[in-house]
Amino acid sequence: MLKNAFYVGGAVLIVIFAYYGIRFYASLHRSKVLIQNTTPFTLDSGAGLSMLVIGDSTAVGVGASKPEDSLPGRVSELLHATRVENYAVSGAMVQDLPPQIAKAKQLSYDFILVQIGANDITHRHSATTAAQKLVTILKTLPSAKQVLVISAGDVGSATIFPPFLAPYFTQLTLQYHTALERELSAAGITYVNLYKSPDNYLFSTEPETYLAADGFHPSSAGYGLWSKAIAPHITVH
């Protein structure tokens, strides 16, 4: 009897892992398609407020229905920017930022937006090491009236991962928020902790609305929540 229960339990576990494995790889495929079909938001409409964007796929705007719905697009609208350079690369981690910075065309910008950290979290890099490395890298940025940095709100809310891994990735995300907040604040750089946003819970409770089809990137509505969260922290006018 006990032996039969053991076999049944084992079979159930195999089915569960197979289900989430198939779902994960299907979501990865959808993510690749989204990445291939996403164009970073850029703008060049003459002299005026300038903005530089570097970072990962969220800075590219993967998941948004159109470039204007991405966070750089929405921030550009808030700033009434006339020039936006976006050198973000999907899959980028903190260590990948220097080549993006090297592409900057100006020595000075009004506003610089940095979106980074989600891939460091999923690769389980040390939060403290990543945060300290980021501060060092950001010292090589062109001058700016304001540099604003964000990371993932909560990787644990991404439905691309099985539910039993959600607490683990949430804990890793919180470690990153703590380390980034500490190191960037000490360096005088504006950091917005998206996990603290009153709307952050919506990514978990309404993923069909606020996450893209891959269950990992924000949707247009998700980027809208992020824009709402960082708007009060933007000081450039």
Protein backbone atom coordinates (compact mmCIF):
# COMPACT_ATOMS: atom_id res chain seq x y z
CA MET A 1 0.00 0.00 0.00
CA LEU A 2 2.74 2.42 1.02
CA LYS A 3 4.74 1.39 -2.04
CA ASN A 4 1.78 2.14 -4.32
CA ALA A 5 1.32 5.53 -2.70
CA PHE A 6 4.98 6.26 -3.31
CA TYR A 7 4.66 5.44 -7.02
CA VAL A 8 1.49 7.50 -7.33
CA GLY A 9 3.13 10.44 -5.61
CA GLY A 10 6.17 10.15 -7.86
CA ALA A 11 3.99 10.04 -10.95
CA VAL A 12 2.10 13.13 -9.81
CA LEU A 13 5.36 15.01 -9.29
CA ILE A 14 6.58 14.01 -12.74
CA VAL A 15 3.34 15.29 -14.31
CA ILE A 16 3.58 18.57 -12.36
CA PHE A 17 7.20 19.19 -13.36
CA ALA A 18 6.46 18.23 -16.97
CA TYR A 19 3.53 20.66 -17.06
CA TYR A 20 5.52 23.58 -15.71
CA GLY A 21 8.53 22.67 -17.87
CA ILE A 22 6.44 22.75 -21.05
CA ARG A 23 4.77 25.99 -19.94
CA PHE A 24 8.14 27.58 -19.15
CA TYR A 25 9.62 26.80 -22.55
CA ALA A 26 6.47 27.98 -24.30
CA SER A 27 6.76 31.27 -22.40
CA LEU A 28 10.44 31.52 -23.33
CA HIS A 29 9.47 31.19 -26.98
CA ARG A 30 6.87 33.93 -26.62
CA SER A 31 9.48 36.10 -24.91
CA LYS A 32 11.93 35.63 -27.80
CA VAL A 33 9.22 36.63 -30.27
CA LEU A 34 8.41 39.74 -28.24
CA ILE A 35 12.10 40.67 -28.07
CA GLN A 36 12.55 40.24 -31.82
CA ASN A 37 9.52 42.43 -32.55
CA THR A 38 10.30 45.26 -30.13
CA THR A 39 11.81 48.57 -31.19
CA PRO A 40 13.30 50.75 -28.42
CA PHE A 41 11.68 54.14 -27.96
CA THR A 42 13.85 56.91 -29.41
CA LEU A 43 13.15 60.50 -30.36
CA ASP A 44 14.85 63.26 -32.30
CA SER A 45 12.65 66.30 -32.79
CA GLY A 46 15.18 69.08 -32.45
CA ALA A 47 16.72 71.07 -29.63
CA GLY A 48 15.20 70.73 -26.19
CA LEU A 49 15.26 68.40 -23.21
CA SER A 50 17.54 65.41 -23.78
CA MET A 51 17.24 61.92 -22.33
CA LEU A 52 19.55 58.88 -22.34
CA VAL A 53 18.24 55.36 -21.68
CA ILE A 54 20.35 52.29 -20.87
CA GLY A 55 19.49 48.92 -19.40
CA ASP A 56 17.80 45.63 -20.17
CA SER A 57 14.67 44.49 -22.02
CA THR A 58 12.40 46.60 -19.83
CA ALA A 59 14.30 49.68 -21.02
CA VAL A 60 13.91 48.41 -24.58
CA GLY A 61 10.20 48.18 -23.84
CA VAL A 62 9.64 44.47 -24.44
CA GLY A 63 6.00 43.65 -23.69
CA ALA A 64 4.62 47.07 -24.58
CA SER A 65 2.18 47.21 -27.49
CA LYS A 66 4.08 50.15 -28.99
CA PRO A 67 7.31 52.03 -28.14
CA GLU A 68 5.36 54.99 -26.73
CA ASP A 69 3.84 52.68 -24.09
CA SER A 70 7.25 51.61 -22.77
CA LEU A 71 8.65 53.28 -19.68
CA PRO A 72 11.14 55.40 -21.69
CA GLY A 73 8.26 56.47 -23.93
CA ARG A 74 6.09 57.44 -20.98
CA VAL A 75 8.91 59.22 -19.15
CA SER A 76 9.77 61.11 -22.32
CA GLU A 77 6.19 62.34 -22.42
CA LEU A 78 6.32 63.39 -18.77
CA LEU A 79 9.52 65.33 -19.42
CA HIS A 80 8.38 66.74 -22.76
CA ALA A 81 11.72 65.48 -24.06
CA THR A 82 12.66 66.25 -27.63
CA ARG A 83 15.67 63.95 -27.88
CA VAL A 84 15.84 60.40 -26.56
CA GLU A 85 18.77 58.04 -27.13
CA ASN A 86 18.04 54.45 -26.13
CA TYR A 87 20.89 51.93 -26.14
CA ALA A 88 19.27 49.29 -23.90
CA VAL A 89 19.73 45.64 -24.85
CA SER A 90 17.45 42.74 -23.99
CA GLY A 91 19.15 40.30 -21.65
CA ALA A 92 21.58 42.90 -20.32
CA MET A 93 22.95 42.64 -16.81
CA VAL A 94 24.80 45.22 -14.75
CA GLN A 95 28.14 44.14 -16.23
CA ASP A 96 26.81 44.83 -19.75
CA LEU A 97 26.14 48.55 -19.25
CA PRO A 98 29.56 50.01 -20.20
CA PRO A 99 29.20 49.30 -23.97
CA GLN A 100 25.79 50.97 -23.87
CA ILE A 101 27.21 54.04 -22.14
CA ALA A 102 29.99 54.20 -24.72
CA LYS A 103 27.36 54.76 -27.45
CA ALA A 104 26.10 58.01 -25.88
CA LYS A 105 26.42 60.84 -28.40
CA GLN A 106 26.47 63.71 -25.91
CA LEU A 107 28.67 64.67 -23.00
CA SER A 108 25.66 65.91 -21.05
CA TYR A 109 21.95 65.05 -20.81
CA ASP A 110 19.06 66.50 -18.88
CA PHE A 111 17.84 63.08 -17.73
CA ILE A 112 19.29 59.57 -17.71
CA LEU A 113 17.09 56.53 -17.09
CA VAL A 114 18.69 53.23 -16.09
CA GLN A 115 16.58 50.06 -15.94
CA ILE A 116 18.65 47.06 -14.84
CA GLY A 117 18.74 44.11 -12.45
CA ALA A 118 16.09 41.58 -13.49
CA ASN A 119 18.57 39.39 -15.35
CA ASP A 120 21.07 39.59 -12.49
CA ILE A 121 18.29 38.35 -10.22
CA THR A 122 17.32 35.42 -12.47
CA HIS A 123 21.03 34.52 -12.77
CA ARG A 124 21.25 34.68 -8.96
CA HIS A 125 24.16 37.12 -8.85
CA SER A 126 25.13 38.62 -5.50
CA ALA A 127 22.91 41.63 -4.81
CA THR A 128 25.61 43.54 -2.95
CA THR A 129 28.24 42.89 -5.60
CA ALA A 130 25.88 43.91 -8.41
CA ALA A 131 24.85 47.09 -6.60
CA GLN A 132 28.44 48.13 -5.91
CA LYS A 133 29.44 47.35 -9.50
CA LEU A 134 26.50 49.42 -10.76
CA VAL A 135 27.58 52.46 -8.74
CA THR A 136 31.09 52.17 -10.19
CA ILE A 137 29.74 51.91 -13.73
CA LEU A 138 27.34 54.82 -13.31
CA LYS A 139 30.26 57.07 -12.45
CA THR A 140 31.26 56.79 -16.12
CA LEU A 141 27.92 58.18 -17.35
CA PRO A 142 27.79 61.50 -19.16
CA SER A 143 26.83 64.35 -16.85
CA ALA A 144 23.12 64.83 -16.21
CA LYS A 145 20.75 66.95 -14.17
CA GLN A 146 19.23 63.71 -12.86
CA VAL A 147 20.04 60.02 -13.08
CA LEU A 148 17.16 57.73 -12.09
CA VAL A 149 17.58 53.99 -11.62
CA ILE A 150 14.98 51.24 -11.32
CA SER A 151 15.13 47.47 -11.15
CA ALA A 152 12.45 44.78 -11.40
CA GLY A 153 9.41 45.32 -9.20
CA ASP A 154 9.10 41.67 -8.16
CA VAL A 155 10.51 38.87 -10.30
CA GLY A 156 8.51 36.49 -8.10
CA SER A 157 5.27 37.82 -9.59
CA ALA A 158 6.31 36.73 -13.09
CA THR A 159 4.03 33.88 -14.13
CA ILE A 160 6.70 32.44 -16.42
CA PHE A 161 8.02 30.69 -13.30
CA PRO A 162 6.19 27.90 -11.43
CA PRO A 163 4.25 29.15 -8.38
CA PHE A 164 6.50 27.20 -6.00
CA LEU A 165 9.49 29.32 -7.13
CA ALA A 166 7.69 32.64 -6.62
CA PRO A 167 8.74 33.11 -2.94
CA TYR A 168 12.36 32.37 -3.84
CA PHE A 169 12.51 34.97 -6.62
CA THR A 170 10.62 37.49 -4.51
CA GLN A 171 13.21 37.09 -1.77
CA LEU A 172 16.04 37.59 -4.28
CA THR A 173 14.27 40.69 -5.63
CA LEU A 174 13.98 42.14 -2.14
CA GLN A 175 17.70 41.58 -1.57
CA TYR A 176 18.40 43.55 -4.74
CA HIS A 177 16.09 46.39 -3.76
CA THR A 178 17.80 46.64 -0.37
CA ALA A 179 21.31 46.62 -1.82
CA LEU A 180 20.53 48.99 -4.69
CA GLU A 181 18.69 51.41 -2.44
CA ARG A 182 21.58 51.46 0.00
CA GLU A 183 24.43 51.80 -2.50
CA LEU A 184 22.75 54.21 -4.92
CA SER A 185 21.40 56.47 -2.19
CA ALA A 186 24.89 56.71 -0.70
CA ALA A 187 26.16 57.72 -4.14
CA GLY A 188 23.49 60.43 -4.47
CA ILE A 189 21.63 58.67 -7.29
CA THR A 190 17.84 58.50 -7.35
CA TYR A 191 16.61 54.93 -6.94
CA VAL A 192 12.92 54.05 -7.08
CA ASN A 193 12.00 50.80 -5.34
CA LEU A 194 9.10 49.54 -7.44
CA TYR A 195 8.32 46.84 -4.91
CA LYS A 196 7.16 49.58 -2.54
CA SER A 197 4.71 50.95 -5.09
CA PRO A 198 1.07 50.70 -3.86
CA ASP A 199 0.19 49.17 -7.24
CA ASN A 200 2.92 46.51 -7.29
CA TYR A 201 0.49 43.82 -6.06
CA LEU A 202 -1.46 44.13 -9.32
CA PHE A 203 1.25 42.23 -11.20
CA SER A 204 0.42 39.21 -9.02
CA THR A 205 -3.35 39.60 -8.76
CA GLU A 206 -4.02 40.63 -12.37
CA PRO A 207 -1.14 39.21 -14.42
CA GLU A 208 -3.33 38.88 -17.52
CA THR A 209 -3.57 42.69 -17.55
CA TYR A 210 -0.20 43.87 -16.26
CA LEU A 211 2.16 41.21 -17.65
CA ALA A 212 2.90 40.61 -21.33
CA ALA A 213 2.07 37.35 -23.13
CA ASP A 214 5.35 35.77 -21.97
CA GLY A 215 4.46 36.18 -18.30
CA PHE A 216 7.77 37.92 -17.60
CA HIS A 217 7.82 41.43 -19.04
CA PRO A 218 5.32 44.15 -18.15
CA SER A 219 2.53 44.85 -20.61
CA SER A 220 1.67 48.38 -21.73
CA ALA A 221 -0.54 48.59 -18.63
CA GLY A 222 2.33 47.30 -16.48
CA TYR A 223 4.69 49.96 -17.78
CA GLY A 224 1.93 52.43 -16.98
CA LEU A 225 2.08 51.36 -13.33
CA TRP A 226 5.85 51.79 -13.31
CA SER A 227 5.53 55.24 -14.86
CA LYS A 228 3.05 56.21 -12.18
CA ALA A 229 5.46 54.98 -9.49
CA ILE A 230 8.51 56.91 -10.69
CA ALA A 231 6.78 60.13 -11.76
CA PRO A 232 6.93 61.75 -8.27
CA HIS A 233 10.70 61.13 -8.17
CA ILE A 234 11.49 62.96 -11.41
CA THR A 235 12.93 66.37 -10.59
CA VAL A 236 13.96 67.56 -14.06
CA HIS A 237 11.57 70.04 -15.67
